[in-house]
Amino acid sequence: MNDLFENIPVQDNMQTVAFYNLENLFDLEDDEHTNDNDFLPTSAKKWTQKRYDNKLRKLGFAISNIGRRETGKHPAIVGLAEVENAKVIEDLIKSKHLEGYKYDYVHYESPDERGIDVALIYDTNTFEVTNSEAFSVLLTDEDGLPDYTRDILLVSGHLDNEPMHVIVNHWSSRREGTEESEPKRIASSEKVGDIISSLKTENEDAKIIIIGDFNDEPHNNSIVRLVQNYSLYNPFETLRSYNRGTVSRYKQWSIFDQVFFTSNFFKSSKDQFEYYNANIFDEDFLKIFKGKFKGSPFRTYAGKKYKGGYSDHFPVYAIFKR
């Protein structure tokens, strides 16, 4: 189906858990409840059916290949950010490069003002969902009014019959400034901590994977506190370098997208998943190939200018092995 990594044998004892910020995956309909006016055929961005279909096809190709170099197959679980609604997720999993797999999804409408949500798609042959829940992060703006952001999504289930939990995040952006907006990300971090605590109350050996676009790096407070307070392991702490990351702004790389997890993924046992490796999925086909932004993510739009790429983020992933 996809010939990017041909002749790599399928590893039945490995599964990939990934995360991808899809950069404004909006449909063409005007939703009166959200601010989606930039993504209409009549908008300055001229968001048309052809452009939408092209984005779906490209995103599907990218998703189908995450982790394939190591496992020989598509990912079992993929957290998503910046999806407008259930319809765009359905269109994505029915698109050319994903329709042959048995993907289903979990999605809740969140109160985010831009109308973008998080979601999770999963291969029903390998992951069985037993429970899911969306958690609101209660924020206020400088006037003390509610400041709506994306919910945090918890999906519990069995990966190849082993119980585990996945928490999907898209924390508040740095648009107002890194320091000014930090309390919002700390609030999200604390909410994730509450979710982990409640899961561990039910089962102290719960296996939990936290994925998302955190708009903070592995060394920032919001992430460090979470990792330290709940004895998590974050493989992305060691992946950062001056010429590599998941997003590039003004030629500066950041690792805002990460996968981290409870330390019991290091316990060795024949029949349970252990951590194998993690990486940024930054294959050349996802990059701008020439000019002054060469090497940075090949995005769909730069401002109002249509570029026809994938996303302004690279996906990230971790592989677990039995």
C-alpha atoms as a PDB file:
ATOM      1  CA  MET A   1       0.000   0.000   0.000  1.00  0.00           C
ATOM      2  CA  ASN A   2       2.781   2.411   0.901  1.00  0.00           C
ATOM      3  CA  ASP A   3       6.206   1.864  -0.606  1.00  0.00           C
ATOM      4  CA  LEU A   4       8.196   4.319   1.513  1.00  0.00           C
ATOM      5  CA  PHE A   5       9.749   1.535   3.600  1.00  0.00           C
ATOM      6  CA  GLU A   6       9.536  -1.502   1.363  1.00  0.00           C
ATOM      7  CA  ASN A   7      10.562  -5.008   2.404  1.00  0.00           C
ATOM      8  CA  ILE A   8      10.705  -4.303   6.116  1.00  0.00           C
ATOM      9  CA  PRO A   9       9.434  -7.425   7.866  1.00  0.00           C
ATOM     10  CA  VAL A  10       6.369  -6.947  10.090  1.00  0.00           C
ATOM     11  CA  GLN A  11       7.270  -7.194  13.779  1.00  0.00           C
ATOM     12  CA  ASP A  12       4.258  -8.768  15.459  1.00  0.00           C
ATOM     13  CA  ASN A  13       5.762  -8.162  18.910  1.00  0.00           C
ATOM     14  CA  MET A  14       6.036  -4.369  18.425  1.00  0.00           C
ATOM     15  CA  GLN A  15       3.440  -1.584  18.402  1.00  0.00           C
ATOM     16  CA  THR A  16       3.779   2.135  17.661  1.00  0.00           C
ATOM     17  CA  VAL A  17       2.012   4.856  19.658  1.00  0.00           C
ATOM     18  CA  ALA A  18       2.209   8.209  17.857  1.00  0.00           C
ATOM     19  CA  PHE A  19       1.021  11.798  18.076  1.00  0.00           C
ATOM     20  CA  TYR A  20       0.457  14.297  15.247  1.00  0.00           C
ATOM     21  CA  ASN A  21      -0.687  17.921  15.302  1.00  0.00           C
ATOM     22  CA  LEU A  22      -2.466  18.118  11.926  1.00  0.00           C
ATOM     23  CA  GLU A  23      -2.378  21.941  11.566  1.00  0.00           C
ATOM     24  CA  ASN A  24      -5.973  23.101  11.194  1.00  0.00           C
ATOM     25  CA  LEU A  25      -7.791  20.088   9.765  1.00  0.00           C
ATOM     26  CA  PHE A  26     -11.079  21.861   9.058  1.00  0.00           C
ATOM     27  CA  ASP A  27     -13.928  20.781   6.799  1.00  0.00           C
ATOM     28  CA  LEU A  28     -15.567  23.163   4.313  1.00  0.00           C
ATOM     29  CA  GLU A  29     -18.761  23.799   6.294  1.00  0.00           C
ATOM     30  CA  ASP A  30     -19.345  26.990   8.259  1.00  0.00           C
ATOM     31  CA  ASP A  31     -19.885  26.063  11.919  1.00  0.00           C
ATOM     32  CA  GLU A  32     -21.727  28.929  13.597  1.00  0.00           C
ATOM     33  CA  HIS A  33     -20.457  27.848  17.039  1.00  0.00           C
ATOM     34  CA  THR A  34     -16.748  28.157  16.232  1.00  0.00           C
ATOM     35  CA  ASN A  35     -14.359  30.580  14.632  1.00  0.00           C
ATOM     36  CA  ASP A  36     -13.726  28.546  11.458  1.00  0.00           C
ATOM     37  CA  ASN A  37     -14.129  31.423   8.996  1.00  0.00           C
ATOM     38  CA  ASP A  38     -10.523  31.168   7.802  1.00  0.00           C
ATOM     39  CA  PHE A  39     -11.258  27.688   6.455  1.00  0.00           C
ATOM     40  CA  LEU A  40     -14.109  28.217   4.030  1.00  0.00           C
ATOM     41  CA  PRO A  41     -14.062  28.300   0.206  1.00  0.00           C
ATOM     42  CA  THR A  42     -14.995  32.013   0.402  1.00  0.00           C
ATOM     43  CA  SER A  43     -12.204  32.949   2.855  1.00  0.00           C
ATOM     44  CA  ALA A  44      -8.903  34.629   2.005  1.00  0.00           C
ATOM     45  CA  LYS A  45      -7.290  31.191   2.343  1.00  0.00           C
ATOM     46  CA  LYS A  46      -9.671  29.753  -0.285  1.00  0.00           C
ATOM     47  CA  TRP A  47     -10.063  26.433   1.527  1.00  0.00           C
ATOM     48  CA  THR A  48     -11.541  24.241  -1.230  1.00  0.00           C
ATOM     49  CA  GLN A  49     -12.563  20.588  -1.601  1.00  0.00           C
ATOM     50  CA  LYS A  50      -9.467  19.927  -3.702  1.00  0.00           C
ATOM     51  CA  ARG A  51      -7.174  21.377  -1.029  1.00  0.00           C
ATOM     52  CA  TYR A  52      -9.004  19.494   1.725  1.00  0.00           C
ATOM     53  CA  ASP A  53      -8.730  16.179  -0.165  1.00  0.00           C
ATOM     54  CA  ASN A  54      -5.042  16.811  -0.848  1.00  0.00           C
ATOM     55  CA  LYS A  55      -4.384  17.446   2.857  1.00  0.00           C
ATOM     56  CA  LEU A  56      -6.269  14.282   3.889  1.00  0.00           C
ATOM     57  CA  ARG A  57      -4.314  12.176   1.389  1.00  0.00           C
ATOM     58  CA  LYS A  58      -0.979  13.591   2.551  1.00  0.00           C
ATOM     59  CA  LEU A  59      -1.743  13.274   6.261  1.00  0.00           C
ATOM     60  CA  GLY A  60      -2.939   9.701   5.711  1.00  0.00           C
ATOM     61  CA  PHE A  61       0.299   8.837   3.923  1.00  0.00           C
ATOM     62  CA  ALA A  62       2.370  10.320   6.747  1.00  0.00           C
ATOM     63  CA  ILE A  63       0.366   8.577   9.494  1.00  0.00           C
ATOM     64  CA  SER A  64       0.486   5.185   7.756  1.00  0.00           C
ATOM     65  CA  ASN A  65       4.291   5.299   7.747  1.00  0.00           C
ATOM     66  CA  ILE A  66       5.012   6.412  11.335  1.00  0.00           C
ATOM     67  CA  GLY A  67       7.107   3.694  12.977  1.00  0.00           C
ATOM     68  CA  ARG A  68       7.101   1.539   9.841  1.00  0.00           C
ATOM     69  CA  ARG A  69      10.877   1.662   9.491  1.00  0.00           C
ATOM     70  CA  GLU A  70      11.180  -0.193  12.817  1.00  0.00           C
ATOM     71  CA  THR A  71       7.983  -2.287  12.892  1.00  0.00           C
ATOM     72  CA  GLY A  72       7.130  -2.896   9.218  1.00  0.00           C
ATOM     73  CA  LYS A  73       3.566  -1.660   9.785  1.00  0.00           C
ATOM     74  CA  HIS A  74       1.290   1.305  10.500  1.00  0.00           C
ATOM     75  CA  PRO A  75       0.898   2.660  14.065  1.00  0.00           C
ATOM     76  CA  ALA A  76      -1.564   1.028  16.478  1.00  0.00           C
ATOM     77  CA  ILE A  77      -2.544   4.293  18.194  1.00  0.00           C
ATOM     78  CA  VAL A  78      -2.262   7.904  16.994  1.00  0.00           C
ATOM     79  CA  GLY A  79      -3.258  10.931  19.061  1.00  0.00           C
ATOM     80  CA  LEU A  80      -4.356  13.906  16.963  1.00  0.00           C
ATOM     81  CA  ALA A  81      -4.522  17.661  17.588  1.00  0.00           C
ATOM     82  CA  GLU A  82      -6.209  20.445  15.600  1.00  0.00           C
ATOM     83  CA  VAL A  83      -9.148  18.460  14.231  1.00  0.00           C
ATOM     84  CA  GLU A  84     -12.344  20.452  13.819  1.00  0.00           C
ATOM     85  CA  ASN A  85     -14.885  17.682  14.427  1.00  0.00           C
ATOM     86  CA  ALA A  86     -15.739  13.996  14.023  1.00  0.00           C
ATOM     87  CA  LYS A  87     -16.374  14.403  10.275  1.00  0.00           C
ATOM     88  CA  VAL A  88     -12.760  15.335   9.459  1.00  0.00           C
ATOM     89  CA  ILE A  89     -11.504  12.328  11.457  1.00  0.00           C
ATOM     90  CA  GLU A  90     -13.884  10.037   9.547  1.00  0.00           C
ATOM     91  CA  ASP A  91     -12.695  11.538   6.256  1.00  0.00           C
ATOM     92  CA  LEU A  92      -9.076  11.027   7.347  1.00  0.00           C
ATOM     93  CA  ILE A  93      -9.442   7.341   8.236  1.00  0.00           C
ATOM     94  CA  LYS A  94     -11.331   6.752   4.964  1.00  0.00           C
ATOM     95  CA  SER A  95      -8.639   8.517   2.918  1.00  0.00           C
ATOM     96  CA  LYS A  96      -6.490   6.715   0.338  1.00  0.00           C
ATOM     97  CA  HIS A  97      -3.576   5.591   2.539  1.00  0.00           C
ATOM     98  CA  LEU A  98      -5.588   4.675   5.654  1.00  0.00           C
ATOM     99  CA  GLU A  99      -8.767   3.112   4.258  1.00  0.00           C
ATOM    100  CA  GLY A 100      -7.163  -0.356   4.085  1.00  0.00           C
ATOM    101  CA  TYR A 101      -6.580  -0.393   7.856  1.00  0.00           C
ATOM    102  CA  LYS A 102      -9.215  -0.917  10.499  1.00  0.00           C
ATOM    103  CA  TYR A 103      -8.924   2.490  12.185  1.00  0.00           C
ATOM    104  CA  ASP A 104     -11.667   3.795  14.454  1.00  0.00           C
ATOM    105  CA  TYR A 105     -11.578   6.927  16.610  1.00  0.00           C
ATOM    106  CA  VAL A 106     -12.436   8.575  19.933  1.00  0.00           C
ATOM    107  CA  HIS A 107     -13.385  12.260  19.850  1.00  0.00           C
ATOM    108  CA  TYR A 108     -15.270  14.749  22.024  1.00  0.00           C
ATOM    109  CA  GLU A 109     -16.211  18.301  21.038  1.00  0.00           C
ATOM    110  CA  SER A 110     -14.192  20.671  23.237  1.00  0.00           C
ATOM    111  CA  PRO A 111     -15.039  24.284  24.158  1.00  0.00           C
ATOM    112  CA  ASP A 112     -11.926  25.666  22.412  1.00  0.00           C
ATOM    113  CA  GLU A 113     -12.718  29.038  20.823  1.00  0.00           C
ATOM    114  CA  ARG A 114     -11.085  28.131  17.529  1.00  0.00           C
ATOM    115  CA  GLY A 115     -13.111  24.934  17.407  1.00  0.00           C
ATOM    116  CA  ILE A 116     -10.126  22.598  17.348  1.00  0.00           C
ATOM    117  CA  ASP A 117     -10.080  19.394  19.343  1.00  0.00           C
ATOM    118  CA  VAL A 118      -7.863  16.479  20.229  1.00  0.00           C
ATOM    119  CA  ALA A 119      -8.773  12.922  19.219  1.00  0.00           C
ATOM    120  CA  LEU A 120      -7.352   9.430  19.054  1.00  0.00           C
ATOM    121  CA  ILE A 121      -7.415   6.995  16.151  1.00  0.00           C
ATOM    122  CA  TYR A 122      -6.592   3.351  16.750  1.00  0.00           C
ATOM    123  CA  ASP A 123      -6.312   0.084  14.840  1.00  0.00           C
ATOM    124  CA  THR A 124      -9.251  -2.014  16.061  1.00  0.00           C
ATOM    125  CA  ASN A 125      -7.267  -5.188  15.325  1.00  0.00           C
ATOM    126  CA  THR A 126      -4.683  -4.284  17.975  1.00  0.00           C
ATOM    127  CA  PHE A 127      -6.353  -1.866  20.419  1.00  0.00           C
ATOM    128  CA  GLU A 128      -9.710  -2.330  22.111  1.00  0.00           C
ATOM    129  CA  VAL A 129     -11.192   0.741  23.826  1.00  0.00           C
ATOM    130  CA  THR A 130     -12.853   0.029  27.170  1.00  0.00           C
ATOM    131  CA  ASN A 131     -13.433   3.589  28.368  1.00  0.00           C
ATOM    132  CA  SER A 132     -12.876   7.211  27.372  1.00  0.00           C
ATOM    133  CA  GLU A 133     -13.405  10.578  28.976  1.00  0.00           C
ATOM    134  CA  ALA A 134     -12.711  14.231  28.210  1.00  0.00           C
ATOM    135  CA  PHE A 135     -11.420  16.524  30.982  1.00  0.00           C
ATOM    136  CA  SER A 136     -11.795  20.303  30.851  1.00  0.00           C
ATOM    137  CA  VAL A 137      -8.981  22.612  31.921  1.00  0.00           C
ATOM    138  CA  LEU A 138     -10.519  25.579  33.735  1.00  0.00           C
ATOM    139  CA  LEU A 139      -8.667  28.768  32.798  1.00  0.00           C
ATOM    140  CA  THR A 140      -9.472  32.460  33.122  1.00  0.00           C
ATOM    141  CA  ASP A 141      -8.201  35.456  31.165  1.00  0.00           C
ATOM    142  CA  GLU A 142      -6.858  38.694  32.681  1.00  0.00           C
ATOM    143  CA  ASP A 143     -10.442  39.959  33.174  1.00  0.00           C
ATOM    144  CA  GLY A 144     -11.332  36.846  35.185  1.00  0.00           C
ATOM    145  CA  LEU A 145     -13.582  35.488  32.436  1.00  0.00           C
ATOM    146  CA  PRO A 146     -13.465  31.848  31.293  1.00  0.00           C
ATOM    147  CA  ASP A 147     -10.705  31.188  28.754  1.00  0.00           C
ATOM    148  CA  TYR A 148     -11.710  28.075  26.845  1.00  0.00           C
ATOM    149  CA  THR A 149      -9.055  25.650  25.685  1.00  0.00           C
ATOM    150  CA  ARG A 150      -8.789  22.106  24.403  1.00  0.00           C
ATOM    151  CA  ASP A 151      -9.951  19.278  26.629  1.00  0.00           C
ATOM    152  CA  ILE A 152      -7.556  16.545  27.727  1.00  0.00           C
ATOM    153  CA  LEU A 153      -8.632  13.149  26.392  1.00  0.00           C
ATOM    154  CA  LEU A 154      -8.203   9.909  28.339  1.00  0.00           C
ATOM    155  CA  VAL A 155      -8.646   6.656  26.434  1.00  0.00           C
ATOM    156  CA  SER A 156      -8.338   3.356  28.304  1.00  0.00           C
ATOM    157  CA  GLY A 157      -8.192  -0.031  26.658  1.00  0.00           C
ATOM    158  CA  HIS A 158      -6.174  -3.115  25.783  1.00  0.00           C
ATOM    159  CA  LEU A 159      -3.206  -3.062  23.404  1.00  0.00           C
ATOM    160  CA  ASP A 160      -2.840  -6.652  22.198  1.00  0.00           C
ATOM    161  CA  ASN A 161      -4.809  -7.656  25.323  1.00  0.00           C
ATOM    162  CA  GLU A 162      -2.608  -5.670  27.745  1.00  0.00           C
ATOM    163  CA  PRO A 163      -4.442  -2.939  29.716  1.00  0.00           C
ATOM    164  CA  MET A 164      -3.123   0.582  29.285  1.00  0.00           C
ATOM    165  CA  HIS A 165      -4.223   4.215  29.259  1.00  0.00           C
ATOM    166  CA  VAL A 166      -3.408   6.983  26.767  1.00  0.00           C
ATOM    167  CA  ILE A 167      -3.787  10.682  27.660  1.00  0.00           C
ATOM    168  CA  VAL A 168      -3.952  13.050  24.637  1.00  0.00           C
ATOM    169  CA  ASN A 169      -3.036  16.726  25.079  1.00  0.00           C
ATOM    170  CA  HIS A 170      -2.891  20.025  23.207  1.00  0.00           C
ATOM    171  CA  TRP A 171      -1.890  22.638  25.761  1.00  0.00           C
ATOM    172  CA  SER A 172      -2.287  26.427  25.461  1.00  0.00           C
ATOM    173  CA  SER A 173      -0.064  28.142  22.929  1.00  0.00           C
ATOM    174  CA  ARG A 174       2.673  30.701  23.569  1.00  0.00           C
ATOM    175  CA  ARG A 175       0.984  33.334  21.426  1.00  0.00           C
ATOM    176  CA  GLU A 176       0.721  35.870  24.288  1.00  0.00           C
ATOM    177  CA  GLY A 177       4.361  35.225  25.218  1.00  0.00           C
ATOM    178  CA  THR A 178       6.071  32.233  26.800  1.00  0.00           C
ATOM    179  CA  GLU A 179       6.064  33.506  30.383  1.00  0.00           C
ATOM    180  CA  GLU A 180       2.656  35.182  30.202  1.00  0.00           C
ATOM    181  CA  SER A 181       1.012  31.967  28.960  1.00  0.00           C
ATOM    182  CA  GLU A 182       2.957  29.524  31.158  1.00  0.00           C
ATOM    183  CA  PRO A 183       0.345  29.384  33.986  1.00  0.00           C
ATOM    184  CA  LYS A 184      -2.139  27.942  31.464  1.00  0.00           C
ATOM    185  CA  ARG A 185       0.219  25.085  30.616  1.00  0.00           C
ATOM    186  CA  ILE A 186       0.952  24.523  34.304  1.00  0.00           C
ATOM    187  CA  ALA A 187      -2.843  24.208  34.846  1.00  0.00           C
ATOM    188  CA  SER A 188      -3.024  21.576  32.083  1.00  0.00           C
ATOM    189  CA  SER A 189      -0.029  19.780  33.575  1.00  0.00           C
ATOM    190  CA  GLU A 190      -1.761  19.670  36.972  1.00  0.00           C
ATOM    191  CA  LYS A 191      -4.935  18.304  35.369  1.00  0.00           C
ATOM    192  CA  VAL A 192      -2.905  15.499  33.752  1.00  0.00           C
ATOM    193  CA  GLY A 193      -1.382  14.830  37.176  1.00  0.00           C
ATOM    194  CA  ASP A 194      -4.900  14.493  38.647  1.00  0.00           C
ATOM    195  CA  ILE A 195      -5.842  12.007  35.910  1.00  0.00           C
ATOM    196  CA  ILE A 196      -2.684   9.942  36.554  1.00  0.00           C
ATOM    197  CA  SER A 197      -3.384   9.965  40.317  1.00  0.00           C
ATOM    198  CA  SER A 198      -6.932   8.708  39.852  1.00  0.00           C
ATOM    199  CA  LEU A 199      -5.779   5.932  37.492  1.00  0.00           C
ATOM    200  CA  LYS A 200      -3.106   4.885  39.996  1.00  0.00           C
ATOM    201  CA  THR A 201      -5.652   4.915  42.822  1.00  0.00           C
ATOM    202  CA  GLU A 202      -7.618   2.282  40.910  1.00  0.00           C
ATOM    203  CA  ASN A 203      -4.464   0.330  39.999  1.00  0.00           C
ATOM    204  CA  GLU A 204      -1.092   1.445  41.310  1.00  0.00           C
ATOM    205  CA  ASP A 205       0.656  -0.419  38.491  1.00  0.00           C
ATOM    206  CA  ALA A 206      -1.427   1.202  35.714  1.00  0.00           C
ATOM    207  CA  LYS A 207       0.513   1.652  32.486  1.00  0.00           C
ATOM    208  CA  ILE A 208      -0.026   5.198  31.233  1.00  0.00           C
ATOM    209  CA  ILE A 209       1.234   6.903  28.061  1.00  0.00           C
ATOM    210  CA  ILE A 210       0.989  10.712  27.805  1.00  0.00           C
ATOM    211  CA  ILE A 211       1.132  12.180  24.293  1.00  0.00           C
ATOM    212  CA  GLY A 212       0.555  15.609  22.845  1.00  0.00           C
ATOM    213  CA  ASP A 213       1.546  19.039  21.649  1.00  0.00           C
ATOM    214  CA  PHE A 214       2.449  20.622  24.977  1.00  0.00           C
ATOM    215  CA  ASN A 215       3.658  23.984  23.599  1.00  0.00           C
ATOM    216  CA  ASP A 216       6.470  23.493  26.093  1.00  0.00           C
ATOM    217  CA  GLU A 217       9.769  21.669  25.794  1.00  0.00           C
ATOM    218  CA  PRO A 218      10.964  18.693  27.870  1.00  0.00           C
ATOM    219  CA  HIS A 219      13.023  21.036  30.102  1.00  0.00           C
ATOM    220  CA  ASN A 220      10.138  23.459  30.828  1.00  0.00           C
ATOM    221  CA  ASN A 221       8.393  23.555  34.209  1.00  0.00           C
ATOM    222  CA  SER A 222       5.062  22.122  33.118  1.00  0.00           C
ATOM    223  CA  ILE A 223       6.691  18.953  31.762  1.00  0.00           C
ATOM    224  CA  VAL A 224       9.485  18.586  34.337  1.00  0.00           C
ATOM    225  CA  ARG A 225       7.028  18.764  37.256  1.00  0.00           C
ATOM    226  CA  LEU A 226       4.799  16.112  35.726  1.00  0.00           C
ATOM    227  CA  VAL A 227       7.683  13.766  34.958  1.00  0.00           C
ATOM    228  CA  GLN A 228       9.223  14.166  38.418  1.00  0.00           C
ATOM    229  CA  ASN A 229       6.019  14.090  40.489  1.00  0.00           C
ATOM    230  CA  TYR A 230       4.654  10.953  38.836  1.00  0.00           C
ATOM    231  CA  SER A 231       7.966   9.132  38.130  1.00  0.00           C
ATOM    232  CA  LEU A 232       7.464   9.217  34.372  1.00  0.00           C
ATOM    233  CA  TYR A 233      10.092   8.765  31.684  1.00  0.00           C
ATOM    234  CA  ASN A 234      10.400  11.261  28.823  1.00  0.00           C
ATOM    235  CA  PRO A 235      12.648   9.994  25.996  1.00  0.00           C
ATOM    236  CA  PHE A 236      12.353  13.369  24.238  1.00  0.00           C
ATOM    237  CA  GLU A 237      14.614  14.984  26.861  1.00  0.00           C
ATOM    238  CA  THR A 238      17.596  13.562  24.967  1.00  0.00           C
ATOM    239  CA  LEU A 239      16.361  14.164  21.398  1.00  0.00           C
ATOM    240  CA  ARG A 240      16.690  17.939  21.386  1.00  0.00           C
ATOM    241  CA  SER A 241      19.397  19.528  19.278  1.00  0.00           C
ATOM    242  CA  TYR A 242      19.919  22.881  17.579  1.00  0.00           C
ATOM    243  CA  ASN A 243      19.023  21.442  14.163  1.00  0.00           C
ATOM    244  CA  ARG A 244      16.186  19.080  15.045  1.00  0.00           C
ATOM    245  CA  GLY A 245      12.759  19.389  16.675  1.00  0.00           C
ATOM    246  CA  THR A 246       9.030  19.059  15.982  1.00  0.00           C
ATOM    247  CA  VAL A 247       8.332  22.730  15.144  1.00  0.00           C
ATOM    248  CA  SER A 248      10.510  25.463  13.707  1.00  0.00           C
ATOM    249  CA  ARG A 249       9.869  29.168  14.320  1.00  0.00           C
ATOM    250  CA  TYR A 250      12.278  31.763  12.954  1.00  0.00           C
ATOM    251  CA  LYS A 251      14.785  28.959  12.289  1.00  0.00           C
ATOM    252  CA  GLN A 252      14.721  27.913  15.976  1.00  0.00           C
ATOM    253  CA  TRP A 253      13.772  24.304  16.649  1.00  0.00           C
ATOM    254  CA  SER A 254      11.550  23.279  19.575  1.00  0.00           C
ATOM    255  CA  ILE A 255      10.271  19.897  20.739  1.00  0.00           C
ATOM    256  CA  PHE A 256       6.693  20.779  21.676  1.00  0.00           C
ATOM    257  CA  ASP A 257       5.353  17.356  20.642  1.00  0.00           C
ATOM    258  CA  GLN A 258       6.323  14.494  22.945  1.00  0.00           C
ATOM    259  CA  VAL A 259       5.468  10.995  24.172  1.00  0.00           C
ATOM    260  CA  PHE A 260       6.261  10.049  27.766  1.00  0.00           C
ATOM    261  CA  PHE A 261       5.037   7.291  30.053  1.00  0.00           C
ATOM    262  CA  THR A 262       5.077   5.541  33.426  1.00  0.00           C
ATOM    263  CA  SER A 263       8.349   3.879  34.373  1.00  0.00           C
ATOM    264  CA  ASN A 264       6.743   0.414  34.540  1.00  0.00           C
ATOM    265  CA  PHE A 265       7.311   0.240  30.762  1.00  0.00           C
ATOM    266  CA  PHE A 266      10.896  -0.656  31.736  1.00  0.00           C
ATOM    267  CA  LYS A 267       9.884  -3.771  33.673  1.00  0.00           C
ATOM    268  CA  SER A 268      10.967  -6.762  31.684  1.00  0.00           C
ATOM    269  CA  SER A 269       8.473  -9.540  31.288  1.00  0.00           C
ATOM    270  CA  LYS A 270       7.864 -11.888  28.394  1.00  0.00           C
ATOM    271  CA  ASP A 271       4.202 -11.110  27.901  1.00  0.00           C
ATOM    272  CA  GLN A 272       4.084  -7.351  28.605  1.00  0.00           C
ATOM    273  CA  PHE A 273       5.037  -4.347  26.513  1.00  0.00           C
ATOM    274  CA  GLU A 274       8.336  -2.646  27.303  1.00  0.00           C
ATOM    275  CA  TYR A 275       9.657   0.638  25.958  1.00  0.00           C
ATOM    276  CA  TYR A 276      11.805   0.053  22.853  1.00  0.00           C
ATOM    277  CA  ASN A 277      12.564   3.490  21.375  1.00  0.00           C
ATOM    278  CA  ALA A 278      11.124   6.912  20.532  1.00  0.00           C
ATOM    279  CA  ASN A 279      11.761   9.444  17.811  1.00  0.00           C
ATOM    280  CA  ILE A 280      10.576  12.419  15.799  1.00  0.00           C
ATOM    281  CA  PHE A 281       9.086  11.274  12.488  1.00  0.00           C
ATOM    282  CA  ASP A 282      10.874  13.859  10.348  1.00  0.00           C
ATOM    283  CA  GLU A 283      11.344  12.018   7.065  1.00  0.00           C
ATOM    284  CA  ASP A 284      12.441  14.127   4.098  1.00  0.00           C
ATOM    285  CA  PHE A 285       9.022  14.003   2.389  1.00  0.00           C
ATOM    286  CA  LEU A 286       7.581  16.011   5.342  1.00  0.00           C
ATOM    287  CA  LYS A 287      10.137  18.821   4.930  1.00  0.00           C
ATOM    288  CA  ILE A 288      10.501  21.920   2.783  1.00  0.00           C
ATOM    289  CA  PHE A 289      13.205  20.849   0.346  1.00  0.00           C
ATOM    290  CA  LYS A 290      14.688  24.180  -0.761  1.00  0.00           C
ATOM    291  CA  GLY A 291      14.959  27.864   0.080  1.00  0.00           C
ATOM    292  CA  LYS A 292      15.596  29.642   3.349  1.00  0.00           C
ATOM    293  CA  PHE A 293      13.207  27.370   5.310  1.00  0.00           C
ATOM    294  CA  LYS A 294      14.732  24.184   3.910  1.00  0.00           C
ATOM    295  CA  GLY A 295      14.369  21.289   6.357  1.00  0.00           C
ATOM    296  CA  SER A 296      11.481  22.742   8.365  1.00  0.00           C
ATOM    297  CA  PRO A 297       7.984  21.147   8.270  1.00  0.00           C
ATOM    298  CA  PHE A 298       6.231  21.425   4.897  1.00  0.00           C
ATOM    299  CA  ARG A 299       3.013  23.078   6.028  1.00  0.00           C
ATOM    300  CA  THR A 300      -0.385  23.590   4.413  1.00  0.00           C
ATOM    301  CA  TYR A 301      -0.406  27.399   4.703  1.00  0.00           C
ATOM    302  CA  ALA A 302       2.131  30.082   5.513  1.00  0.00           C
ATOM    303  CA  GLY A 303      -0.152  32.893   6.632  1.00  0.00           C
ATOM    304  CA  LYS A 304      -2.813  33.079   3.912  1.00  0.00           C
ATOM    305  CA  LYS A 305      -0.498  31.620   1.258  1.00  0.00           C
ATOM    306  CA  TYR A 306      -1.335  28.053   0.288  1.00  0.00           C
ATOM    307  CA  LYS A 307       1.725  25.777   0.270  1.00  0.00           C
ATOM    308  CA  GLY A 308       0.002  22.414  -0.139  1.00  0.00           C
ATOM    309  CA  GLY A 309       2.033  20.582   2.497  1.00  0.00           C
ATOM    310  CA  TYR A 310       1.247  18.346   5.447  1.00  0.00           C
ATOM    311  CA  SER A 311       1.475  20.225   8.746  1.00  0.00           C
ATOM    312  CA  ASP A 312       3.613  22.768  10.586  1.00  0.00           C
ATOM    313  CA  HIS A 313       4.517  20.002  13.087  1.00  0.00           C
ATOM    314  CA  PHE A 314       6.392  16.733  12.659  1.00  0.00           C
ATOM    315  CA  PRO A 315       4.737  13.688  14.262  1.00  0.00           C
ATOM    316  CA  VAL A 316       6.393  11.928  17.208  1.00  0.00           C
ATOM    317  CA  TYR A 317       6.201   8.305  18.271  1.00  0.00           C
ATOM    318  CA  ALA A 318       7.309   5.638  20.734  1.00  0.00           C
ATOM    319  CA  ILE A 319       7.605   1.934  20.021  1.00  0.00           C
ATOM    320  CA  PHE A 320       6.776  -0.695  22.600  1.00  0.00           C
ATOM    321  CA  LYS A 321       7.962  -4.283  22.309  1.00  0.00           C
ATOM    322  CA  ARG A 322       7.052  -7.598  23.912  1.00  0.00           C
END
